[in-house]
Each structure stands twice: as structure tokens, then as C-alpha cells.
Amino acid sequence: MISALDARYRLAESKDYEVKVAFLQLAISARCREFYGEVEKTLKEVVRMKYLRPLYTALAQGGLGPGTGKEEEEKTLAKRVFTEARDSYHPIAQRVVESILAKHL
């Protein structure tokens, strides 16, 4: 269903980050791995907390959520991307993302 939405409306490629981030959150929660590359790209190019917080939170919570036993891939992605993108974020954004990761990892 997620893939069908994207095929029809190209949400993952949207230039409107409100739309794109909302769609990517949905893709993460559905564990739709085909969009994880776009999640990574977005986290590396967008530095506003408005967009970073929901994506890192969704990844850190592990897709389907805690307790499913399948959340490690998303958590690993969150840690790796933050390590790579950390220096491009504002110091306040760095601390907020660190707190999200510390809470859920």
C-alpha cells in the first residue's frame, strides 16, 4: 500500500518536506525498507529539527514499535545516519537527536 501511494503521488520525492517527512514516517512505521535510502538522504540534507525529530523518533522506535523484535534494523540506521550527519546539524539539534537515541536505544 505504501509503495502504491508513492507510485501514484511520488511522495518520497516531494519537494514539500511537510509531505515528504509525513510519508517517510509512515514508511518507517510500516517497515517499508525500500524507502530507507530516501529516509537517509533526507536526514542528511535537511537540518531543521521540525523534520529531524519525527524521522529519528520513528527510526529509534523501531518501525512497528518496541516489543516486536524487529526494530534493530531501524535503530541501526538511526545510529549510523546520525554518526555520519551529526556535524552538519546545529548543536541544539545534535543534543535533541542524541536524547531521542538515548531514550529508545
PDB file of N, CA and C in Angstrom:
ATOM      1  N   MET A   1       0.816  -1.194   0.000  1.00  0.00           N
ATOM      2  CA  MET A   1       0.000   0.000   0.000  1.00  0.00           C
ATOM      3  C   MET A   1       0.863   1.262   0.000  1.00  0.00           C
ATOM      4  N   ILE A   2       1.926   1.263   0.808  1.00  0.00           N
ATOM      5  CA  ILE A   2       2.827   2.412   0.859  1.00  0.00           C
ATOM      6  C   ILE A   2       3.461   2.628  -0.514  1.00  0.00           C
ATOM      7  N   SER A   3       3.910   1.549  -1.117  1.00  0.00           N
ATOM      8  CA  SER A   3       4.535   1.644  -2.437  1.00  0.00           C
ATOM      9  C   SER A   3       3.545   2.142  -3.483  1.00  0.00           C
ATOM     10  N   ALA A   4       2.304   1.710  -3.374  1.00  0.00           N
ATOM     11  CA  ALA A   4       1.281   2.154  -4.318  1.00  0.00           C
ATOM     12  C   ALA A   4       1.021   3.657  -4.171  1.00  0.00           C
ATOM     13  N   LEU A   5       0.989   4.138  -2.945  1.00  0.00           N
ATOM     14  CA  LEU A   5       0.821   5.582  -2.718  1.00  0.00           C
ATOM     15  C   LEU A   5       1.965   6.360  -3.362  1.00  0.00           C
ATOM     16  N   ASP A   6       3.181   5.865  -3.153  1.00  0.00           N
ATOM     17  CA  ASP A   6       4.324   6.566  -3.718  1.00  0.00           C
ATOM     18  C   ASP A   6       4.333   6.483  -5.241  1.00  0.00           C
ATOM     19  N   ALA A   7       3.961   5.342  -5.785  1.00  0.00           N
ATOM     20  CA  ALA A   7       3.920   5.199  -7.242  1.00  0.00           C
ATOM     21  C   ALA A   7       2.930   6.181  -7.854  1.00  0.00           C
ATOM     22  N   ARG A   8       1.822   6.373  -7.177  1.00  0.00           N
ATOM     23  CA  ARG A   8       0.776   7.257  -7.690  1.00  0.00           C
ATOM     24  C   ARG A   8       1.115   8.734  -7.512  1.00  0.00           C
ATOM     25  N   TYR A   9       1.634   9.099  -6.318  1.00  0.00           N
ATOM     26  CA  TYR A   9       1.805  10.516  -5.990  1.00  0.00           C
ATOM     27  C   TYR A   9       3.262  10.960  -5.835  1.00  0.00           C
ATOM     28  N   ARG A  10       4.206  10.033  -5.916  1.00  0.00           N
ATOM     29  CA  ARG A  10       5.631  10.338  -5.782  1.00  0.00           C
ATOM     30  C   ARG A  10       5.934  11.125  -4.503  1.00  0.00           C
ATOM     31  N   LEU A  11       5.414  10.635  -3.391  1.00  0.00           N
ATOM     32  CA  LEU A  11       5.538  11.331  -2.116  1.00  0.00           C
ATOM     33  C   LEU A  11       6.966  11.345  -1.584  1.00  0.00           C
ATOM     34  N   ALA A  12       7.709  10.283  -1.817  1.00  0.00           N
ATOM     35  CA  ALA A  12       9.086  10.216  -1.330  1.00  0.00           C
ATOM     36  C   ALA A  12       9.987  11.220  -2.047  1.00  0.00           C
ATOM     37  N   GLU A  13       9.574  11.671  -3.214  1.00  0.00           N
ATOM     38  CA  GLU A  13      10.349  12.639  -3.993  1.00  0.00           C
ATOM     39  C   GLU A  13       9.823  14.060  -3.839  1.00  0.00           C
ATOM     40  N   SER A  14       8.840  14.253  -3.004  1.00  0.00           N
ATOM     41  CA  SER A  14       8.216  15.563  -2.859  1.00  0.00           C
ATOM     42  C   SER A  14       9.233  16.621  -2.455  1.00  0.00           C
ATOM     43  N   LYS A  15       9.087  17.806  -3.015  1.00  0.00           N
ATOM     44  CA  LYS A  15       9.918  18.949  -2.632  1.00  0.00           C
ATOM     45  C   LYS A  15       9.358  19.619  -1.383  1.00  0.00           C
ATOM     46  N   ASP A  16       8.130  19.276  -1.024  1.00  0.00           N
ATOM     47  CA  ASP A  16       7.480  19.799   0.177  1.00  0.00           C
ATOM     48  C   ASP A  16       7.836  18.872   1.334  1.00  0.00           C
ATOM     49  N   TYR A  17       8.724  19.340   2.220  1.00  0.00           N
ATOM     50  CA  TYR A  17       9.201  18.476   3.295  1.00  0.00           C
ATOM     51  C   TYR A  17       8.121  18.103   4.299  1.00  0.00           C
ATOM     52  N   GLU A  18       7.068  18.888   4.409  1.00  0.00           N
ATOM     53  CA  GLU A  18       5.940  18.501   5.270  1.00  0.00           C
ATOM     54  C   GLU A  18       5.350  17.189   4.762  1.00  0.00           C
ATOM     55  N   VAL A  19       5.138  17.121   3.466  1.00  0.00           N
ATOM     56  CA  VAL A  19       4.567  15.925   2.834  1.00  0.00           C
ATOM     57  C   VAL A  19       5.563  14.775   2.867  1.00  0.00           C
ATOM     58  N   LYS A  20       6.785  15.068   2.472  1.00  0.00           N
ATOM     59  CA  LYS A  20       7.811  14.028   2.386  1.00  0.00           C
ATOM     60  C   LYS A  20       8.082  13.371   3.737  1.00  0.00           C
ATOM     61  N   VAL A  21       8.255  14.168   4.777  1.00  0.00           N
ATOM     62  CA  VAL A  21       8.562  13.624   6.099  1.00  0.00           C
ATOM     63  C   VAL A  21       7.383  12.818   6.642  1.00  0.00           C
ATOM     64  N   ALA A  22       6.166  13.318   6.444  1.00  0.00           N
ATOM     65  CA  ALA A  22       4.985  12.562   6.892  1.00  0.00           C
ATOM     66  C   ALA A  22       4.920  11.206   6.178  1.00  0.00           C
ATOM     67  N   PHE A  23       5.197  11.202   4.893  1.00  0.00           N
ATOM     68  CA  PHE A  23       5.182   9.948   4.144  1.00  0.00           C
ATOM     69  C   PHE A  23       6.292   9.010   4.617  1.00  0.00           C
ATOM     70  N   LEU A  24       7.486   9.548   4.827  1.00  0.00           N
ATOM     71  CA  LEU A  24       8.596   8.703   5.264  1.00  0.00           C
ATOM     72  C   LEU A  24       8.360   8.143   6.662  1.00  0.00           C
ATOM     73  N   GLN A  25       7.721   8.902   7.533  1.00  0.00           N
ATOM     74  CA  GLN A  25       7.343   8.368   8.851  1.00  0.00           C
ATOM     75  C   GLN A  25       6.423   7.170   8.686  1.00  0.00           C
ATOM     76  N   LEU A  26       5.463   7.288   7.799  1.00  0.00           N
ATOM     77  CA  LEU A  26       4.542   6.185   7.526  1.00  0.00           C
ATOM     78  C   LEU A  26       5.296   4.974   6.985  1.00  0.00           C
ATOM     79  N   ALA A  27       6.238   5.223   6.081  1.00  0.00           N
ATOM     80  CA  ALA A  27       7.031   4.131   5.511  1.00  0.00           C
ATOM     81  C   ALA A  27       7.862   3.433   6.596  1.00  0.00           C
ATOM     82  N   ILE A  28       8.431   4.214   7.508  1.00  0.00           N
ATOM     83  CA  ILE A  28       9.216   3.623   8.603  1.00  0.00           C
ATOM     84  C   ILE A  28       8.312   2.792   9.503  1.00  0.00           C
ATOM     85  N   SER A  29       7.171   3.346   9.870  1.00  0.00           N
ATOM     86  CA  SER A  29       6.276   2.625  10.779  1.00  0.00           C
ATOM     87  C   SER A  29       5.762   1.331  10.153  1.00  0.00           C
ATOM     88  N   ALA A  30       5.677   1.300   8.831  1.00  0.00           N
ATOM     89  CA  ALA A  30       5.245   0.092   8.123  1.00  0.00           C
ATOM     90  C   ALA A  30       6.434  -0.811   7.774  1.00  0.00           C
ATOM     91  N   ARG A  31       7.638  -0.377   8.165  1.00  0.00           N
ATOM     92  CA  ARG A  31       8.880  -1.100   7.874  1.00  0.00           C
ATOM     93  C   ARG A  31       9.037  -1.368   6.380  1.00  0.00           C
ATOM     94  N   CYS A  32       8.721  -0.377   5.605  1.00  0.00           N
ATOM     95  CA  CYS A  32       8.828  -0.469   4.150  1.00  0.00           C
ATOM     96  C   CYS A  32      10.265  -0.079   3.762  1.00  0.00           C
ATOM     97  N   ARG A  33      11.135  -1.059   3.763  1.00  0.00           N
ATOM     98  CA  ARG A  33      12.576  -0.839   3.614  1.00  0.00           C
ATOM     99  C   ARG A  33      12.972  -0.149   2.317  1.00  0.00           C
ATOM    100  N   GLU A  34      12.169  -0.256   1.300  1.00  0.00           N
ATOM    101  CA  GLU A  34      12.551   0.349   0.020  1.00  0.00           C
ATOM    102  C   GLU A  34      12.678   1.874   0.121  1.00  0.00           C
ATOM    103  N   PHE A  35      12.152   2.461   1.196  1.00  0.00           N
ATOM    104  CA  PHE A  35      12.236   3.912   1.364  1.00  0.00           C
ATOM    105  C   PHE A  35      13.318   4.330   2.352  1.00  0.00           C
ATOM    106  N   TYR A  36      14.050   3.384   2.913  1.00  0.00           N
ATOM    107  CA  TYR A  36      15.077   3.725   3.906  1.00  0.00           C
ATOM    108  C   TYR A  36      16.207   4.547   3.291  1.00  0.00           C
ATOM    109  N   GLY A  37      16.501   4.341   2.034  1.00  0.00           N
ATOM    110  CA  GLY A  37      17.512   5.164   1.354  1.00  0.00           C
ATOM    111  C   GLY A  37      17.075   6.614   1.284  1.00  0.00           C
ATOM    112  N   GLU A  38      15.801   6.830   1.023  1.00  0.00           N
ATOM    113  CA  GLU A  38      15.268   8.200   0.968  1.00  0.00           C
ATOM    114  C   GLU A  38      15.230   8.814   2.365  1.00  0.00           C
ATOM    115  N   VAL A  39      14.954   7.996   3.377  1.00  0.00           N
ATOM    116  CA  VAL A  39      14.995   8.481   4.767  1.00  0.00           C
ATOM    117  C   VAL A  39      16.407   8.958   5.076  1.00  0.00           C
ATOM    118  N   GLU A  40      17.392   8.149   4.743  1.00  0.00           N
ATOM    119  CA  GLU A  40      18.785   8.514   4.994  1.00  0.00           C
ATOM    120  C   GLU A  40      19.158   9.802   4.268  1.00  0.00           C
ATOM    121  N   LYS A  41      18.812   9.886   3.009  1.00  0.00           N
ATOM    122  CA  LYS A  41      19.111  11.076   2.211  1.00  0.00           C
ATOM    123  C   LYS A  41      18.473  12.321   2.829  1.00  0.00           C
ATOM    124  N   THR A  42      17.234  12.202   3.250  1.00  0.00           N
ATOM    125  CA  THR A  42      16.519  13.327   3.846  1.00  0.00           C
ATOM    126  C   THR A  42      17.173  13.761   5.149  1.00  0.00           C
ATOM    127  N   LEU A  43      17.554  12.804   5.990  1.00  0.00           N
ATOM    128  CA  LEU A  43      18.198  13.141   7.261  1.00  0.00           C
ATOM    129  C   LEU A  43      19.553  13.805   7.061  1.00  0.00           C
ATOM    130  N   LYS A  44      20.182  13.554   5.937  1.00  0.00           N
ATOM    131  CA  LYS A  44      21.489  14.149   5.673  1.00  0.00           C
ATOM    132  C   LYS A  44      21.392  15.512   4.992  1.00  0.00           C
ATOM    133  N   GLU A  45      20.263  15.791   4.338  1.00  0.00           N
ATOM    134  CA  GLU A  45      20.167  17.070   3.634  1.00  0.00           C
ATOM    135  C   GLU A  45      19.310  18.103   4.356  1.00  0.00           C
ATOM    136  N   VAL A  46      18.461  17.679   5.240  1.00  0.00           N
ATOM    137  CA  VAL A  46      17.590  18.598   5.969  1.00  0.00           C
ATOM    138  C   VAL A  46      18.124  18.715   7.389  1.00  0.00           C
ATOM    139  N   VAL A  47      18.283  19.930   7.859  1.00  0.00           N
ATOM    140  CA  VAL A  47      18.880  20.095   9.186  1.00  0.00           C
ATOM    141  C   VAL A  47      17.929  20.744  10.192  1.00  0.00           C
ATOM    142  N   ARG A  48      16.691  20.917   9.819  1.00  0.00           N
ATOM    143  CA  ARG A  48      15.719  21.529  10.733  1.00  0.00           C
ATOM    144  C   ARG A  48      15.130  20.476  11.665  1.00  0.00           C
ATOM    145  N   MET A  49      15.075  20.824  12.947  1.00  0.00           N
ATOM    146  CA  MET A  49      14.527  19.903  13.948  1.00  0.00           C
ATOM    147  C   MET A  49      13.094  19.497  13.618  1.00  0.00           C
ATOM    148  N   LYS A  50      12.368  20.385  13.008  1.00  0.00           N
ATOM    149  CA  LYS A  50      10.977  20.103  12.627  1.00  0.00           C
ATOM    150  C   LYS A  50      10.879  18.814  11.803  1.00  0.00           C
ATOM    151  N   TYR A  51      11.918  18.534  11.028  1.00  0.00           N
ATOM    152  CA  TYR A  51      11.922  17.351  10.179  1.00  0.00           C
ATOM    153  C   TYR A  51      12.791  16.223  10.741  1.00  0.00           C
ATOM    154  N   LEU A  52      13.851  16.588  11.446  1.00  0.00           N
ATOM    155  CA  LEU A  52      14.740  15.567  12.010  1.00  0.00           C
ATOM    156  C   LEU A  52      14.053  14.782  13.126  1.00  0.00           C
ATOM    157  N   ARG A  53      13.407  15.493  14.031  1.00  0.00           N
ATOM    158  CA  ARG A  53      12.813  14.847  15.219  1.00  0.00           C
ATOM    159  C   ARG A  53      11.859  13.706  14.855  1.00  0.00           C
ATOM    160  N   PRO A  54      10.881  13.927  13.970  1.00  0.00           N
ATOM    161  CA  PRO A  54       9.941  12.818  13.697  1.00  0.00           C
ATOM    162  C   PRO A  54      10.587  11.617  13.003  1.00  0.00           C
ATOM    163  N   LEU A  55      11.556  11.873  12.140  1.00  0.00           N
ATOM    164  CA  LEU A  55      12.193  10.747  11.446  1.00  0.00           C
ATOM    165  C   LEU A  55      13.094   9.955  12.381  1.00  0.00           C
ATOM    166  N   TYR A  56      13.908  10.650  13.176  1.00  0.00           N
ATOM    167  CA  TYR A  56      14.749   9.921  14.132  1.00  0.00           C
ATOM    168  C   TYR A  56      13.900   9.196  15.171  1.00  0.00           C
ATOM    169  N   THR A  57      12.814   9.815  15.601  1.00  0.00           N
ATOM    170  CA  THR A  57      11.942   9.156  16.581  1.00  0.00           C
ATOM    171  C   THR A  57      11.340   7.886  15.995  1.00  0.00           C
ATOM    172  N   ALA A  58      10.850   7.974  14.761  1.00  0.00           N
ATOM    173  CA  ALA A  58      10.267   6.789  14.114  1.00  0.00           C
ATOM    174  C   ALA A  58      11.305   5.679  13.971  1.00  0.00           C
ATOM    175  N   LEU A  59      12.521   6.039  13.563  1.00  0.00           N
ATOM    176  CA  LEU A  59      13.576   5.028  13.428  1.00  0.00           C
ATOM    177  C   LEU A  59      13.954   4.438  14.783  1.00  0.00           C
ATOM    178  N   ALA A  60      14.125   5.309  15.767  1.00  0.00           N
ATOM    179  CA  ALA A  60      14.554   4.845  17.088  1.00  0.00           C
ATOM    180  C   ALA A  60      13.504   3.962  17.752  1.00  0.00           C
ATOM    181  N   GLN A  61      12.243   4.212  17.437  1.00  0.00           N
ATOM    182  CA  GLN A  61      11.176   3.376  17.991  1.00  0.00           C
ATOM    183  C   GLN A  61      11.088   2.045  17.272  1.00  0.00           C
ATOM    184  N   GLY A  62      11.770   1.936  16.150  1.00  0.00           N
ATOM    185  CA  GLY A  62      11.898   0.639  15.503  1.00  0.00           C
ATOM    186  C   GLY A  62      10.773   0.235  14.587  1.00  0.00           C
ATOM    187  N   GLY A  63      10.299   1.125  13.749  1.00  0.00           N
ATOM    188  CA  GLY A  63       9.292   0.732  12.770  1.00  0.00           C
ATOM    189  C   GLY A  63       7.972   0.360  13.399  1.00  0.00           C
ATOM    190  N   LEU A  64       7.738  -0.921  13.549  1.00  0.00           N
ATOM    191  CA  LEU A  64       6.467  -1.391  14.107  1.00  0.00           C
ATOM    192  C   LEU A  64       6.330  -1.075  15.588  1.00  0.00           C
ATOM    193  N   GLY A  65       7.418  -0.629  16.183  1.00  0.00           N
ATOM    194  CA  GLY A  65       7.362  -0.237  17.583  1.00  0.00           C
ATOM    195  C   GLY A  65       8.075  -1.223  18.476  1.00  0.00           C
ATOM    196  N   PRO A  66       8.314  -0.795  19.709  1.00  0.00           N
ATOM    197  CA  PRO A  66       9.044  -1.631  20.645  1.00  0.00           C
ATOM    198  C   PRO A  66       8.305  -2.924  20.939  1.00  0.00           C
ATOM    199  N   GLY A  67       9.090  -3.953  21.190  1.00  0.00           N
ATOM    200  CA  GLY A  67       8.497  -5.221  21.571  1.00  0.00           C
ATOM    201  C   GLY A  67       8.180  -6.139  20.413  1.00  0.00           C
ATOM    202  N   THR A  68       8.396  -5.686  19.182  1.00  0.00           N
ATOM    203  CA  THR A  68       8.098  -6.547  18.041  1.00  0.00           C
ATOM    204  C   THR A  68       9.255  -7.479  17.733  1.00  0.00           C
ATOM    205  N   GLY A  69      10.445  -7.138  18.261  1.00  0.00           N
ATOM    206  CA  GLY A  69      11.611  -7.954  17.990  1.00  0.00           C
ATOM    207  C   GLY A  69      12.211  -7.710  16.619  1.00  0.00           C
ATOM    208  N   LYS A  70      11.672  -6.742  15.898  1.00  0.00           N
ATOM    209  CA  LYS A  70      12.142  -6.471  14.542  1.00  0.00           C
ATOM    210  C   LYS A  70      12.644  -5.037  14.388  1.00  0.00           C
ATOM    211  N   GLU A  71      12.942  -4.391  15.488  1.00  0.00           N
ATOM    212  CA  GLU A  71      13.275  -2.973  15.416  1.00  0.00           C
ATOM    213  C   GLU A  71      14.760  -2.677  15.243  1.00  0.00           C
ATOM    214  N   GLU A  72      15.610  -3.674  15.248  1.00  0.00           N
ATOM    215  CA  GLU A  72      17.052  -3.433  15.205  1.00  0.00           C
ATOM    216  C   GLU A  72      17.520  -2.762  13.920  1.00  0.00           C
ATOM    217  N   GLU A  73      16.961  -3.103  12.782  1.00  0.00           N
ATOM    218  CA  GLU A  73      17.390  -2.507  11.518  1.00  0.00           C
ATOM    219  C   GLU A  73      17.184  -0.995  11.528  1.00  0.00           C
ATOM    220  N   GLU A  74      16.043  -0.550  12.010  1.00  0.00           N
ATOM    221  CA  GLU A  74      15.748   0.878  12.054  1.00  0.00           C
ATOM    222  C   GLU A  74      16.652   1.590  13.055  1.00  0.00           C
ATOM    223  N   LYS A  75      16.886   0.970  14.200  1.00  0.00           N
ATOM    224  CA  LYS A  75      17.751   1.573  15.214  1.00  0.00           C
ATOM    225  C   LYS A  75      19.185   1.687  14.708  1.00  0.00           C
ATOM    226  N   THR A  76      19.642   0.670  14.027  1.00  0.00           N
ATOM    227  CA  THR A  76      20.989   0.697  13.454  1.00  0.00           C
ATOM    228  C   THR A  76      21.100   1.799  12.415  1.00  0.00           C
ATOM    229  N   LEU A  77      20.086   1.939  11.587  1.00  0.00           N
ATOM    230  CA  LEU A  77      20.065   3.003  10.579  1.00  0.00           C
ATOM    231  C   LEU A  77      20.112   4.371  11.259  1.00  0.00           C
ATOM    232  N   ALA A  78      19.320   4.568  12.295  1.00  0.00           N
ATOM    233  CA  ALA A  78      19.291   5.848  13.011  1.00  0.00           C
ATOM    234  C   ALA A  78      20.676   6.180  13.563  1.00  0.00           C
ATOM    235  N   LYS A  79      21.314   5.219  14.212  1.00  0.00           N
ATOM    236  CA  LYS A  79      22.643   5.461  14.790  1.00  0.00           C
ATOM    237  C   LYS A  79      23.675   5.784  13.709  1.00  0.00           C
ATOM    238  N   ARG A  80      23.661   5.009  12.635  1.00  0.00           N
ATOM    239  CA  ARG A  80      24.644   5.211  11.570  1.00  0.00           C
ATOM    240  C   ARG A  80      24.482   6.568  10.897  1.00  0.00           C
ATOM    241  N   VAL A  81      23.240   6.913  10.546  1.00  0.00           N
ATOM    242  CA  VAL A  81      22.998   8.187   9.860  1.00  0.00           C
ATOM    243  C   VAL A  81      23.359   9.360  10.773  1.00  0.00           C
ATOM    244  N   PHE A  82      23.006   9.264  12.044  1.00  0.00           N
ATOM    245  CA  PHE A  82      23.349  10.357  12.957  1.00  0.00           C
ATOM    246  C   PHE A  82      24.861  10.507  13.077  1.00  0.00           C
ATOM    247  N   THR A  83      25.575   9.414  13.154  1.00  0.00           N
ATOM    248  CA  THR A  83      27.038   9.479  13.225  1.00  0.00           C
ATOM    249  C   THR A  83      27.604  10.187  11.999  1.00  0.00           C
ATOM    250  N   GLU A  84      27.053   9.885  10.836  1.00  0.00           N
ATOM    251  CA  GLU A  84      27.538  10.484   9.590  1.00  0.00           C
ATOM    252  C   GLU A  84      27.096  11.933   9.419  1.00  0.00           C
ATOM    253  N   ALA A  85      25.904  12.285   9.887  1.00  0.00           N
ATOM    254  CA  ALA A  85      25.343  13.617   9.629  1.00  0.00           C
ATOM    255  C   ALA A  85      25.487  14.582  10.806  1.00  0.00           C
ATOM    256  N   ARG A  86      25.887  14.092  11.949  1.00  0.00           N
ATOM    257  CA  ARG A  86      25.918  14.874  13.189  1.00  0.00           C
ATOM    258  C   ARG A  86      26.564  16.248  13.022  1.00  0.00           C
ATOM    259  N   ASP A  87      27.713  16.311  12.389  1.00  0.00           N
ATOM    260  CA  ASP A  87      28.449  17.568  12.279  1.00  0.00           C
ATOM    261  C   ASP A  87      27.734  18.619  11.433  1.00  0.00           C
ATOM    262  N   SER A  88      26.802  18.200  10.595  1.00  0.00           N
ATOM    263  CA  SER A  88      26.067  19.168   9.774  1.00  0.00           C
ATOM    264  C   SER A  88      24.865  19.759  10.512  1.00  0.00           C
ATOM    265  N   TYR A  89      24.529  19.202  11.679  1.00  0.00           N
ATOM    266  CA  TYR A  89      23.398  19.677  12.467  1.00  0.00           C
ATOM    267  C   TYR A  89      23.832  20.775  13.434  1.00  0.00           C
ATOM    268  N   HIS A  90      22.917  21.658  13.738  1.00  0.00           N
ATOM    269  CA  HIS A  90      23.126  22.691  14.755  1.00  0.00           C
ATOM    270  C   HIS A  90      23.361  21.984  16.095  1.00  0.00           C
ATOM    271  N   PRO A  91      24.179  22.562  16.987  1.00  0.00           N
ATOM    272  CA  PRO A  91      24.434  21.915  18.280  1.00  0.00           C
ATOM    273  C   PRO A  91      23.162  21.565  19.072  1.00  0.00           C
ATOM    274  N   ILE A  92      22.139  22.393  18.992  1.00  0.00           N
ATOM    275  CA  ILE A  92      20.883  22.074  19.691  1.00  0.00           C
ATOM    276  C   ILE A  92      20.235  20.850  19.051  1.00  0.00           C
ATOM    277  N   ALA A  93      20.248  20.796  17.733  1.00  0.00           N
ATOM    278  CA  ALA A  93      19.690  19.632  17.033  1.00  0.00           C
ATOM    279  C   ALA A  93      20.476  18.374  17.382  1.00  0.00           C
ATOM    280  N   GLN A  94      21.784  18.498  17.493  1.00  0.00           N
ATOM    281  CA  GLN A  94      22.607  17.353  17.882  1.00  0.00           C
ATOM    282  C   GLN A  94      22.165  16.802  19.240  1.00  0.00           C
ATOM    283  N   ARG A  95      21.952  17.696  20.188  1.00  0.00           N
ATOM    284  CA  ARG A  95      21.552  17.259  21.530  1.00  0.00           C
ATOM    285  C   ARG A  95      20.161  16.637  21.527  1.00  0.00           C
ATOM    286  N   VAL A  96      19.252  17.207  20.762  1.00  0.00           N
ATOM    287  CA  VAL A  96      17.896  16.650  20.704  1.00  0.00           C
ATOM    288  C   VAL A  96      17.921  15.246  20.098  1.00  0.00           C
ATOM    289  N   VAL A  97      18.642  15.078  19.011  1.00  0.00           N
ATOM    290  CA  VAL A  97      18.721  13.748  18.387  1.00  0.00           C
ATOM    291  C   VAL A  97      19.425  12.766  19.324  1.00  0.00           C
ATOM    292  N   GLU A  98      20.472  13.210  19.987  1.00  0.00           N
ATOM    293  CA  GLU A  98      21.148  12.343  20.971  1.00  0.00           C
ATOM    294  C   GLU A  98      20.188  11.894  22.043  1.00  0.00           C
ATOM    295  N   SER A  99      19.327  12.805  22.507  1.00  0.00           N
ATOM    296  CA  SER A  99      18.363  12.426  23.558  1.00  0.00           C
ATOM    297  C   SER A  99      17.313  11.445  23.033  1.00  0.00           C
ATOM    298  N   ILE A 100      16.900  11.611  21.778  1.00  0.00           N
ATOM    299  CA  ILE A 100      15.951  10.662  21.172  1.00  0.00           C
ATOM    300  C   ILE A 100      16.588   9.276  21.111  1.00  0.00           C
ATOM    301  N   LEU A 101      17.821   9.231  20.639  1.00  0.00           N
ATOM    302  CA  LEU A 101      18.506   7.943  20.505  1.00  0.00           C
ATOM    303  C   LEU A 101      18.756   7.320  21.883  1.00  0.00           C
ATOM    304  N   ALA A 102      19.153   8.130  22.839  1.00  0.00           N
ATOM    305  CA  ALA A 102      19.407   7.604  24.192  1.00  0.00           C
ATOM    306  C   ALA A 102      18.141   7.038  24.819  1.00  0.00           C
ATOM    307  N   LYS A 103      17.026   7.664  24.555  1.00  0.00           N
ATOM    308  CA  LYS A 103      15.753   7.224  25.137  1.00  0.00           C
ATOM    309  C   LYS A 103      15.298   5.876  24.568  1.00  0.00           C
ATOM    310  N   HIS A 104      15.543   5.665  23.289  1.00  0.00           N
ATOM    311  CA  HIS A 104      14.986   4.489  22.615  1.00  0.00           C
ATOM    312  C   HIS A 104      16.003   3.399  22.304  1.00  0.00           C
ATOM    313  N   LEU A 105      17.290   3.688  22.445  1.00  0.00           N
ATOM    314  CA  LEU A 105      18.284   2.679  22.047  1.00  0.00           C
ATOM    315  C   LEU A 105      18.943   2.038  23.239  1.00  0.00           C
TER     316      LEU A 105
END
